[in-house]
Amino acid sequence: MAGALNRWCHFTEDWGQQPLSLHFIRDKEKREVDFLLTLDKKPRLLIEARWKDLGPLASLHYFSRRLGDVPRLLVVAQAQSPGTQEGVLVLPAASFLAALP
């Protein structure tokens, strides 16, 4: 997942688009989200990647609020179909990765 997102960031820059940057985000209370995509140094998308578990999404909600209601995405390797959980868009990893340039 990290490799595909990093490749997407480089793709945008190579094609003359505004550069995306990929980050990991964690605070002192050990809340973390796997990926934060920024555009022009502004947070644009929080992504949590999981294998199967659709457990609590508290960290996604916390950082979304702290960063100004940044959209949240949960990418799950073994998800059956797209949907939402606790207001977070849930996508199968295969579909998400296939959509990246």
PDB file of N, CA and C in Angstrom:
ATOM      1  N   MET A   1       0.832  -1.184   0.000  1.00  0.00           N
ATOM      2  CA  MET A   1       0.000   0.000   0.000  1.00  0.00           C
ATOM      3  C   MET A   1       0.877   1.248   0.000  1.00  0.00           C
ATOM      4  N   ALA A   2       1.890   1.256   0.863  1.00  0.00           N
ATOM      5  CA  ALA A   2       2.773   2.426   0.947  1.00  0.00           C
ATOM      6  C   ALA A   2       3.474   2.656  -0.391  1.00  0.00           C
ATOM      7  N   GLY A   3       3.927   1.579  -1.006  1.00  0.00           N
ATOM      8  CA  GLY A   3       4.609   1.706  -2.291  1.00  0.00           C
ATOM      9  C   GLY A   3       3.696   2.278  -3.369  1.00  0.00           C
ATOM     10  N   ALA A   4       2.457   1.814  -3.411  1.00  0.00           N
ATOM     11  CA  ALA A   4       1.504   2.294  -4.413  1.00  0.00           C
ATOM     12  C   ALA A   4       1.170   3.769  -4.183  1.00  0.00           C
ATOM     13  N   LEU A   5       0.987   4.157  -2.939  1.00  0.00           N
ATOM     14  CA  LEU A   5       0.694   5.565  -2.642  1.00  0.00           C
ATOM     15  C   LEU A   5       1.895   6.458  -2.939  1.00  0.00           C
ATOM     16  N   ASN A   6       3.078   5.972  -2.627  1.00  0.00           N
ATOM     17  CA  ASN A   6       4.289   6.739  -2.933  1.00  0.00           C
ATOM     18  C   ASN A   6       4.461   6.908  -4.442  1.00  0.00           C
ATOM     19  N   ARG A   7       4.170   5.863  -5.186  1.00  0.00           N
ATOM     20  CA  ARG A   7       4.242   5.932  -6.649  1.00  0.00           C
ATOM     21  C   ARG A   7       3.235   6.958  -7.187  1.00  0.00           C
ATOM     22  N   TRP A   8       2.043   7.011  -6.591  1.00  0.00           N
ATOM     23  CA  TRP A   8       1.033   7.987  -6.984  1.00  0.00           C
ATOM     24  C   TRP A   8       1.552   9.405  -6.737  1.00  0.00           C
ATOM     25  N   CYS A   9       2.200   9.622  -5.594  1.00  0.00           N
ATOM     26  CA  CYS A   9       2.758  10.939  -5.297  1.00  0.00           C
ATOM     27  C   CYS A   9       3.795  11.344  -6.344  1.00  0.00           C
ATOM     28  N   HIS A  10       4.664  10.424  -6.717  1.00  0.00           N
ATOM     29  CA  HIS A  10       5.683  10.726  -7.730  1.00  0.00           C
ATOM     30  C   HIS A  10       5.050  10.924  -9.110  1.00  0.00           C
ATOM     31  N   PHE A  11       4.007  10.173  -9.404  1.00  0.00           N
ATOM     32  CA  PHE A  11       3.306  10.301 -10.677  1.00  0.00           C
ATOM     33  C   PHE A  11       2.755  11.714 -10.848  1.00  0.00           C
ATOM     34  N   THR A  12       2.132  12.250  -9.791  1.00  0.00           N
ATOM     35  CA  THR A  12       1.555  13.595  -9.908  1.00  0.00           C
ATOM     36  C   THR A  12       2.628  14.626 -10.206  1.00  0.00           C
ATOM     37  N   GLU A  13       3.766  14.485  -9.556  1.00  0.00           N
ATOM     38  CA  GLU A  13       4.853  15.438  -9.779  1.00  0.00           C
ATOM     39  C   GLU A  13       5.460  15.273 -11.166  1.00  0.00           C
ATOM     40  N   ASP A  14       5.655  14.031 -11.598  1.00  0.00           N
ATOM     41  CA  ASP A  14       6.238  13.769 -12.922  1.00  0.00           C
ATOM     42  C   ASP A  14       5.370  14.310 -14.048  1.00  0.00           C
ATOM     43  N   TRP A  15       4.064  14.330 -13.849  1.00  0.00           N
ATOM     44  CA  TRP A  15       3.149  14.804 -14.891  1.00  0.00           C
ATOM     45  C   TRP A  15       2.765  16.265 -14.725  1.00  0.00           C
ATOM     46  N   GLY A  16       3.513  16.989 -13.907  1.00  0.00           N
ATOM     47  CA  GLY A  16       3.319  18.427 -13.796  1.00  0.00           C
ATOM     48  C   GLY A  16       2.113  18.851 -12.986  1.00  0.00           C
ATOM     49  N   GLN A  17       1.541  17.943 -12.210  1.00  0.00           N
ATOM     50  CA  GLN A  17       0.416  18.295 -11.359  1.00  0.00           C
ATOM     51  C   GLN A  17       0.947  18.777 -10.017  1.00  0.00           C
ATOM     52  N   GLN A  18       0.061  19.310  -9.209  1.00  0.00           N
ATOM     53  CA  GLN A  18       0.477  19.725  -7.873  1.00  0.00           C
ATOM     54  C   GLN A  18       0.984  18.500  -7.120  1.00  0.00           C
ATOM     55  N   PRO A  19       2.141  18.608  -6.481  1.00  0.00           N
ATOM     56  CA  PRO A  19       2.731  17.431  -5.845  1.00  0.00           C
ATOM     57  C   PRO A  19       1.993  16.977  -4.589  1.00  0.00           C
ATOM     58  N   LEU A  20       1.717  15.695  -4.546  1.00  0.00           N
ATOM     59  CA  LEU A  20       1.182  15.054  -3.348  1.00  0.00           C
ATOM     60  C   LEU A  20       2.355  14.624  -2.477  1.00  0.00           C
ATOM     61  N   SER A  21       2.150  14.614  -1.178  1.00  0.00           N
ATOM     62  CA  SER A  21       3.156  14.105  -0.251  1.00  0.00           C
ATOM     63  C   SER A  21       2.512  13.056   0.632  1.00  0.00           C
ATOM     64  N   LEU A  22       3.268  12.043   0.966  1.00  0.00           N
ATOM     65  CA  LEU A  22       2.779  10.927   1.768  1.00  0.00           C
ATOM     66  C   LEU A  22       3.422  10.986   3.148  1.00  0.00           C
ATOM     67  N   HIS A  23       2.591  10.849   4.193  1.00  0.00           N
ATOM     68  CA  HIS A  23       3.070  10.928   5.572  1.00  0.00           C
ATOM     69  C   HIS A  23       2.420   9.856   6.427  1.00  0.00           C
ATOM     70  N   PHE A  24       3.060   9.560   7.553  1.00  0.00           N
ATOM     71  CA  PHE A  24       2.523   8.737   8.625  1.00  0.00           C
ATOM     72  C   PHE A  24       2.207   9.703   9.755  1.00  0.00           C
ATOM     73  N   ILE A  25       1.124   9.469  10.472  1.00  0.00           N
ATOM     74  CA  ILE A  25       0.755  10.420  11.517  1.00  0.00           C
ATOM     75  C   ILE A  25       0.495   9.670  12.829  1.00  0.00           C
ATOM     76  N   ARG A  26       1.136  10.171  13.902  1.00  0.00           N
ATOM     77  CA  ARG A  26       0.967   9.603  15.242  1.00  0.00           C
ATOM     78  C   ARG A  26       1.202  10.711  16.263  1.00  0.00           C
ATOM     79  N   ASP A  27       0.484  10.637  17.377  1.00  0.00           N
ATOM     80  CA  ASP A  27       0.682  11.638  18.427  1.00  0.00           C
ATOM     81  C   ASP A  27       1.287  10.996  19.674  1.00  0.00           C
ATOM     82  N   LYS A  28       1.475  11.788  20.717  1.00  0.00           N
ATOM     83  CA  LYS A  28       2.109  11.293  21.939  1.00  0.00           C
ATOM     84  C   LYS A  28       1.259  10.262  22.672  1.00  0.00           C
ATOM     85  N   GLU A  29      -0.043  10.261  22.435  1.00  0.00           N
ATOM     86  CA  GLU A  29      -0.934   9.282  23.057  1.00  0.00           C
ATOM     87  C   GLU A  29      -1.000   7.983  22.246  1.00  0.00           C
ATOM     88  N   LYS A  30      -0.146   7.881  21.245  1.00  0.00           N
ATOM     89  CA  LYS A  30      -0.001   6.700  20.383  1.00  0.00           C
ATOM     90  C   LYS A  30      -1.210   6.445  19.488  1.00  0.00           C
ATOM     91  N   ARG A  31      -2.016   7.483  19.247  1.00  0.00           N
ATOM     92  CA  ARG A  31      -3.048   7.376  18.213  1.00  0.00           C
ATOM     93  C   ARG A  31      -2.324   7.509  16.892  1.00  0.00           C
ATOM     94  N   GLU A  32      -2.686   6.705  15.913  1.00  0.00           N
ATOM     95  CA  GLU A  32      -1.994   6.785  14.628  1.00  0.00           C
ATOM     96  C   GLU A  32      -2.928   6.427  13.478  1.00  0.00           C
ATOM     97  N   VAL A  33      -2.568   6.963  12.325  1.00  0.00           N
ATOM     98  CA  VAL A  33      -3.218   6.632  11.065  1.00  0.00           C
ATOM     99  C   VAL A  33      -2.091   6.293  10.098  1.00  0.00           C
ATOM    100  N   ASP A  34      -2.310   5.260   9.312  1.00  0.00           N
ATOM    101  CA  ASP A  34      -1.247   4.750   8.449  1.00  0.00           C
ATOM    102  C   ASP A  34      -0.726   5.775   7.448  1.00  0.00           C
ATOM    103  N   PHE A  35      -1.631   6.497   6.796  1.00  0.00           N
ATOM    104  CA  PHE A  35      -1.203   7.405   5.732  1.00  0.00           C
ATOM    105  C   PHE A  35      -1.985   8.711   5.780  1.00  0.00           C
ATOM    106  N   LEU A  36      -1.268   9.786   5.526  1.00  0.00           N
ATOM    107  CA  LEU A  36      -1.866  11.101   5.336  1.00  0.00           C
ATOM    108  C   LEU A  36      -1.325  11.641   4.023  1.00  0.00           C
ATOM    109  N   LEU A  37      -2.212  11.930   3.104  1.00  0.00           N
ATOM    110  CA  LEU A  37      -1.814  12.557   1.839  1.00  0.00           C
ATOM    111  C   LEU A  37      -2.030  14.061   1.963  1.00  0.00           C
ATOM    112  N   THR A  38      -1.006  14.810   1.590  1.00  0.00           N
ATOM    113  CA  THR A  38      -1.116  16.264   1.605  1.00  0.00           C
ATOM    114  C   THR A  38      -0.918  16.802   0.190  1.00  0.00           C
ATOM    115  N   LEU A  39      -1.560  17.897  -0.097  1.00  0.00           N
ATOM    116  CA  LEU A  39      -1.442  18.602  -1.367  1.00  0.00           C
ATOM    117  C   LEU A  39      -1.080  20.030  -1.027  1.00  0.00           C
ATOM    118  N   ASP A  40       0.057  20.503  -1.516  1.00  0.00           N
ATOM    119  CA  ASP A  40       0.560  21.830  -1.161  1.00  0.00           C
ATOM    120  C   ASP A  40       0.659  22.005   0.353  1.00  0.00           C
ATOM    121  N   LYS A  41       1.113  20.970   1.030  1.00  0.00           N
ATOM    122  CA  LYS A  41       1.326  20.955   2.482  1.00  0.00           C
ATOM    123  C   LYS A  41       0.048  21.084   3.289  1.00  0.00           C
ATOM    124  N   LYS A  42      -1.107  20.831   2.656  1.00  0.00           N
ATOM    125  CA  LYS A  42      -2.385  20.852   3.348  1.00  0.00           C
ATOM    126  C   LYS A  42      -2.954  19.436   3.363  1.00  0.00           C
ATOM    127  N   PRO A  43      -3.456  18.967   4.504  1.00  0.00           N
ATOM    128  CA  PRO A  43      -3.992  17.608   4.593  1.00  0.00           C
ATOM    129  C   PRO A  43      -5.188  17.427   3.662  1.00  0.00           C
ATOM    130  N   ARG A  44      -5.184  16.342   2.900  1.00  0.00           N
ATOM    131  CA  ARG A  44      -6.259  16.090   1.933  1.00  0.00           C
ATOM    132  C   ARG A  44      -6.966  14.760   2.125  1.00  0.00           C
ATOM    133  N   LEU A  45      -6.263  13.720   2.656  1.00  0.00           N
ATOM    134  CA  LEU A  45      -6.894  12.405   2.793  1.00  0.00           C
ATOM    135  C   LEU A  45      -6.161  11.589   3.843  1.00  0.00           C
ATOM    136  N   LEU A  46      -6.937  11.013   4.775  1.00  0.00           N
ATOM    137  CA  LEU A  46      -6.411  10.071   5.757  1.00  0.00           C
ATOM    138  C   LEU A  46      -6.777   8.675   5.311  1.00  0.00           C
ATOM    139  N   ILE A  47      -5.800   7.766   5.305  1.00  0.00           N
ATOM    140  CA  ILE A  47      -6.045   6.400   4.856  1.00  0.00           C
ATOM    141  C   ILE A  47      -5.536   5.429   5.911  1.00  0.00           C
ATOM    142  N   GLU A  48      -6.420   4.540   6.329  1.00  0.00           N
ATOM    143  CA  GLU A  48      -6.056   3.448   7.224  1.00  0.00           C
ATOM    144  C   GLU A  48      -6.121   2.160   6.398  1.00  0.00           C
ATOM    145  N   ALA A  49      -5.064   1.382   6.445  1.00  0.00           N
ATOM    146  CA  ALA A  49      -5.006   0.121   5.696  1.00  0.00           C
ATOM    147  C   ALA A  49      -5.076  -1.039   6.677  1.00  0.00           C
ATOM    148  N   ARG A  50      -5.942  -1.984   6.374  1.00  0.00           N
ATOM    149  CA  ARG A  50      -6.101  -3.157   7.243  1.00  0.00           C
ATOM    150  C   ARG A  50      -6.227  -4.415   6.391  1.00  0.00           C
ATOM    151  N   TRP A  51      -5.895  -5.517   7.014  1.00  0.00           N
ATOM    152  CA  TRP A  51      -5.997  -6.790   6.309  1.00  0.00           C
ATOM    153  C   TRP A  51      -7.443  -7.260   6.272  1.00  0.00           C
ATOM    154  N   LYS A  52      -8.088  -7.334   7.435  1.00  0.00           N
ATOM    155  CA  LYS A  52      -9.433  -7.875   7.500  1.00  0.00           C
ATOM    156  C   LYS A  52     -10.298  -7.145   8.519  1.00  0.00           C
ATOM    157  N   ASP A  53      -9.696  -6.741   9.603  1.00  0.00           N
ATOM    158  CA  ASP A  53     -10.407  -6.197  10.749  1.00  0.00           C
ATOM    159  C   ASP A  53     -11.061  -4.857  10.430  1.00  0.00           C
ATOM    160  N   LEU A  54     -12.339  -4.753  10.732  1.00  0.00           N
ATOM    161  CA  LEU A  54     -13.050  -3.484  10.572  1.00  0.00           C
ATOM    162  C   LEU A  54     -13.313  -2.865  11.941  1.00  0.00           C
ATOM    163  N   GLY A  55     -12.399  -3.076  12.886  1.00  0.00           N
ATOM    164  CA  GLY A  55     -12.545  -2.619  14.264  1.00  0.00           C
ATOM    165  C   GLY A  55     -12.678  -1.116  14.399  1.00  0.00           C
ATOM    166  N   PRO A  56     -12.410  -0.604  15.603  1.00  0.00           N
ATOM    167  CA  PRO A  56     -12.611   0.823  15.891  1.00  0.00           C
ATOM    168  C   PRO A  56     -11.809   1.742  14.969  1.00  0.00           C
ATOM    169  N   LEU A  57     -12.403   2.867  14.672  1.00  0.00           N
ATOM    170  CA  LEU A  57     -11.790   3.844  13.781  1.00  0.00           C
ATOM    171  C   LEU A  57     -11.566   5.175  14.502  1.00  0.00           C
ATOM    172  N   ALA A  58     -11.364   5.109  15.801  1.00  0.00           N
ATOM    173  CA  ALA A  58     -11.254   6.320  16.617  1.00  0.00           C
ATOM    174  C   ALA A  58     -10.114   7.226  16.153  1.00  0.00           C
ATOM    175  N   SER A  59      -8.974   6.662  15.793  1.00  0.00           N
ATOM    176  CA  SER A  59      -7.835   7.488  15.366  1.00  0.00           C
ATOM    177  C   SER A  59      -8.145   8.237  14.079  1.00  0.00           C
ATOM    178  N   LEU A  60      -8.825   7.587  13.149  1.00  0.00           N
ATOM    179  CA  LEU A  60      -9.207   8.267  11.905  1.00  0.00           C
ATOM    180  C   LEU A  60     -10.095   9.468  12.205  1.00  0.00           C
ATOM    181  N   HIS A  61     -11.083   9.265  13.063  1.00  0.00           N
ATOM    182  CA  HIS A  61     -11.993  10.366  13.413  1.00  0.00           C
ATOM    183  C   HIS A  61     -11.252  11.479  14.152  1.00  0.00           C
ATOM    184  N   TYR A  62     -10.398  11.105  15.081  1.00  0.00           N
ATOM    185  CA  TYR A  62      -9.658  12.087  15.866  1.00  0.00           C
ATOM    186  C   TYR A  62      -8.811  12.980  14.970  1.00  0.00           C
ATOM    187  N   PHE A  63      -7.985  12.369  14.123  1.00  0.00           N
ATOM    188  CA  PHE A  63      -7.099  13.175  13.281  1.00  0.00           C
ATOM    189  C   PHE A  63      -7.874  13.937  12.214  1.00  0.00           C
ATOM    190  N   SER A  64      -8.968  13.393  11.742  1.00  0.00           N
ATOM    191  CA  SER A  64      -9.786  14.120  10.769  1.00  0.00           C
ATOM    192  C   SER A  64     -10.295  15.424  11.385  1.00  0.00           C
ATOM    193  N   ARG A  65     -10.803  15.329  12.600  1.00  0.00           N
ATOM    194  CA  ARG A  65     -11.293  16.542  13.278  1.00  0.00           C
ATOM    195  C   ARG A  65     -10.147  17.521  13.538  1.00  0.00           C
ATOM    196  N   ARG A  66      -9.016  17.027  14.018  1.00  0.00           N
ATOM    197  CA  ARG A  66      -7.877  17.888  14.344  1.00  0.00           C
ATOM    198  C   ARG A  66      -7.300  18.598  13.126  1.00  0.00           C
ATOM    199  N   LEU A  67      -7.407  17.956  11.954  1.00  0.00           N
ATOM    200  CA  LEU A  67      -6.832  18.520  10.740  1.00  0.00           C
ATOM    201  C   LEU A  67      -7.851  19.288   9.896  1.00  0.00           C
ATOM    202  N   GLY A  68      -9.076  19.436  10.391  1.00  0.00           N
ATOM    203  CA  GLY A  68     -10.073  20.230   9.675  1.00  0.00           C
ATOM    204  C   GLY A  68     -11.016  19.409   8.826  1.00  0.00           C
ATOM    205  N   ASP A  69     -11.542  18.327   9.371  1.00  0.00           N
ATOM    206  CA  ASP A  69     -12.493  17.447   8.675  1.00  0.00           C
ATOM    207  C   ASP A  69     -11.935  16.896   7.368  1.00  0.00           C
ATOM    208  N   VAL A  70     -10.756  16.332   7.448  1.00  0.00           N
ATOM    209  CA  VAL A  70     -10.118  15.688   6.295  1.00  0.00           C
ATOM    210  C   VAL A  70     -10.889  14.402   5.981  1.00  0.00           C
ATOM    211  N   PRO A  71     -11.162  14.117   4.710  1.00  0.00           N
ATOM    212  CA  PRO A  71     -11.841  12.865   4.352  1.00  0.00           C
ATOM    213  C   PRO A  71     -11.059  11.653   4.856  1.00  0.00           C
ATOM    214  N   ARG A  72     -11.818  10.602   5.233  1.00  0.00           N
ATOM    215  CA  ARG A  72     -11.238   9.388   5.793  1.00  0.00           C
ATOM    216  C   ARG A  72     -11.556   8.198   4.899  1.00  0.00           C
ATOM    217  N   LEU A  73     -10.573   7.330   4.750  1.00  0.00           N
ATOM    218  CA  LEU A  73     -10.729   6.157   3.900  1.00  0.00           C
ATOM    219  C   LEU A  73     -10.141   4.956   4.617  1.00  0.00           C
ATOM    220  N   LEU A  74     -10.888   3.858   4.643  1.00  0.00           N
ATOM    221  CA  LEU A  74     -10.410   2.595   5.186  1.00  0.00           C
ATOM    222  C   LEU A  74     -10.275   1.630   4.016  1.00  0.00           C
ATOM    223  N   VAL A  75      -9.048   1.156   3.783  1.00  0.00           N
ATOM    224  CA  VAL A  75      -8.774   0.214   2.698  1.00  0.00           C
ATOM    225  C   VAL A  75      -8.521  -1.143   3.347  1.00  0.00           C
ATOM    226  N   VAL A  76      -9.348  -2.122   2.980  1.00  0.00           N
ATOM    227  CA  VAL A  76      -9.296  -3.436   3.615  1.00  0.00           C
ATOM    228  C   VAL A  76      -8.997  -4.493   2.560  1.00  0.00           C
ATOM    229  N   ALA A  77      -7.960  -5.287   2.817  1.00  0.00           N
ATOM    230  CA  ALA A  77      -7.530  -6.303   1.841  1.00  0.00           C
ATOM    231  C   ALA A  77      -8.623  -7.320   1.569  1.00  0.00           C
ATOM    232  N   GLN A  78      -9.327  -7.760   2.601  1.00  0.00           N
ATOM    233  CA  GLN A  78     -10.326  -8.802   2.412  1.00  0.00           C
ATOM    234  C   GLN A  78     -11.754  -8.288   2.543  1.00  0.00           C
ATOM    235  N   ALA A  79     -11.976  -7.053   2.170  1.00  0.00           N
ATOM    236  CA  ALA A  79     -13.335  -6.495   2.187  1.00  0.00           C
ATOM    237  C   ALA A  79     -14.109  -7.055   1.001  1.00  0.00           C
ATOM    238  N   GLN A  80     -15.360  -7.359   1.230  1.00  0.00           N
ATOM    239  CA  GLN A  80     -16.185  -7.934   0.186  1.00  0.00           C
ATOM    240  C   GLN A  80     -16.686  -6.888  -0.815  1.00  0.00           C
ATOM    241  N   SER A  81     -17.128  -5.763  -0.302  1.00  0.00           N
ATOM    242  CA  SER A  81     -17.669  -4.735  -1.191  1.00  0.00           C
ATOM    243  C   SER A  81     -17.520  -3.369  -0.532  1.00  0.00           C
ATOM    244  N   PRO A  82     -17.592  -2.306  -1.343  1.00  0.00           N
ATOM    245  CA  PRO A  82     -17.476  -0.956  -0.778  1.00  0.00           C
ATOM    246  C   PRO A  82     -18.667  -0.630   0.120  1.00  0.00           C
ATOM    247  N   GLY A  83     -18.449   0.326   0.974  1.00  0.00           N
ATOM    248  CA  GLY A  83     -19.519   0.764   1.852  1.00  0.00           C
ATOM    249  C   GLY A  83     -19.006   1.827   2.798  1.00  0.00           C
ATOM    250  N   THR A  84     -19.729   2.029   3.886  1.00  0.00           N
ATOM    251  CA  THR A  84     -19.289   2.966   4.905  1.00  0.00           C
ATOM    252  C   THR A  84     -19.381   2.294   6.263  1.00  0.00           C
ATOM    253  N   GLN A  85     -18.521   2.738   7.161  1.00  0.00           N
ATOM    254  CA  GLN A  85     -18.535   2.281   8.549  1.00  0.00           C
ATOM    255  C   GLN A  85     -18.211   3.483   9.403  1.00  0.00           C
ATOM    256  N   GLU A  86     -19.099   3.821  10.306  1.00  0.00           N
ATOM    257  CA  GLU A  86     -18.915   4.976  11.191  1.00  0.00           C
ATOM    258  C   GLU A  86     -18.603   6.245  10.403  1.00  0.00           C
ATOM    259  N   GLY A  87     -19.191   6.405   9.230  1.00  0.00           N
ATOM    260  CA  GLY A  87     -18.967   7.593   8.414  1.00  0.00           C
ATOM    261  C   GLY A  87     -17.665   7.586   7.632  1.00  0.00           C
ATOM    262  N   VAL A  88     -16.977   6.443   7.608  1.00  0.00           N
ATOM    263  CA  VAL A  88     -15.715   6.301   6.883  1.00  0.00           C
ATOM    264  C   VAL A  88     -15.963   5.433   5.654  1.00  0.00           C
ATOM    265  N   LEU A  89     -15.471   5.891   4.505  1.00  0.00           N
ATOM    266  CA  LEU A  89     -15.596   5.105   3.288  1.00  0.00           C
ATOM    267  C   LEU A  89     -14.700   3.883   3.385  1.00  0.00           C
ATOM    268  N   VAL A  90     -15.266   2.699   3.127  1.00  0.00           N
ATOM    269  CA  VAL A  90     -14.524   1.441   3.168  1.00  0.00           C
ATOM    270  C   VAL A  90     -14.429   0.895   1.753  1.00  0.00           C
ATOM    271  N   LEU A  91     -13.201   0.634   1.302  1.00  0.00           N
ATOM    272  CA  LEU A  91     -12.975   0.104  -0.040  1.00  0.00           C
ATOM    273  C   LEU A  91     -12.124  -1.154   0.019  1.00  0.00           C
ATOM    274  N   PRO A  92     -12.410  -2.124  -0.854  1.00  0.00           N
ATOM    275  CA  PRO A  92     -11.507  -3.269  -0.979  1.00  0.00           C
ATOM    276  C   PRO A  92     -10.170  -2.791  -1.525  1.00  0.00           C
ATOM    277  N   ALA A  93      -9.097  -3.359  -1.019  1.00  0.00           N
ATOM    278  CA  ALA A  93      -7.753  -2.937  -1.448  1.00  0.00           C
ATOM    279  C   ALA A  93      -7.575  -3.093  -2.939  1.00  0.00           C
ATOM    280  N   ALA A  94      -8.070  -4.180  -3.518  1.00  0.00           N
ATOM    281  CA  ALA A  94      -7.902  -4.410  -4.954  1.00  0.00           C
ATOM    282  C   ALA A  94      -8.528  -3.275  -5.757  1.00  0.00           C
ATOM    283  N   SER A  95      -9.697  -2.826  -5.382  1.00  0.00           N
ATOM    284  CA  SER A  95     -10.365  -1.740  -6.101  1.00  0.00           C
ATOM    285  C   SER A  95      -9.630  -0.420  -5.934  1.00  0.00           C
ATOM    286  N   PHE A  96      -9.197  -0.142  -4.720  1.00  0.00           N
ATOM    287  CA  PHE A  96      -8.488   1.101  -4.461  1.00  0.00           C
ATOM    288  C   PHE A  96      -7.164   1.150  -5.233  1.00  0.00           C
ATOM    289  N   LEU A  97      -6.396   0.088  -5.142  1.00  0.00           N
ATOM    290  CA  LEU A  97      -5.100   0.063  -5.810  1.00  0.00           C
ATOM    291  C   LEU A  97      -5.223   0.085  -7.325  1.00  0.00           C
ATOM    292  N   ALA A  98      -6.264  -0.543  -7.847  1.00  0.00           N
ATOM    293  CA  ALA A  98      -6.482  -0.533  -9.304  1.00  0.00           C
ATOM    294  C   ALA A  98      -6.841   0.866  -9.810  1.00  0.00           C
ATOM    295  N   ALA A  99      -7.398   1.696  -8.943  1.00  0.00           N
ATOM    296  CA  ALA A  99      -7.816   3.040  -9.354  1.00  0.00           C
ATOM    297  C   ALA A  99      -6.662   4.039  -9.336  1.00  0.00           C
ATOM    298  N   LEU A 100      -5.566   3.695  -8.676  1.00  0.00           N
ATOM    299  CA  LEU A 100      -4.418   4.613  -8.630  1.00  0.00           C
ATOM    300  C   LEU A 100      -3.694   4.630  -9.965  1.00  0.00           C
ATOM    301  N   PRO A 101      -3.210   5.810 -10.391  1.00  0.00           N
ATOM    302  CA  PRO A 101      -2.481   5.863 -11.653  1.00  0.00           C
ATOM    303  C   PRO A 101      -1.120   5.190 -11.565  1.00  0.00           C
TER     304      PRO A 101
END
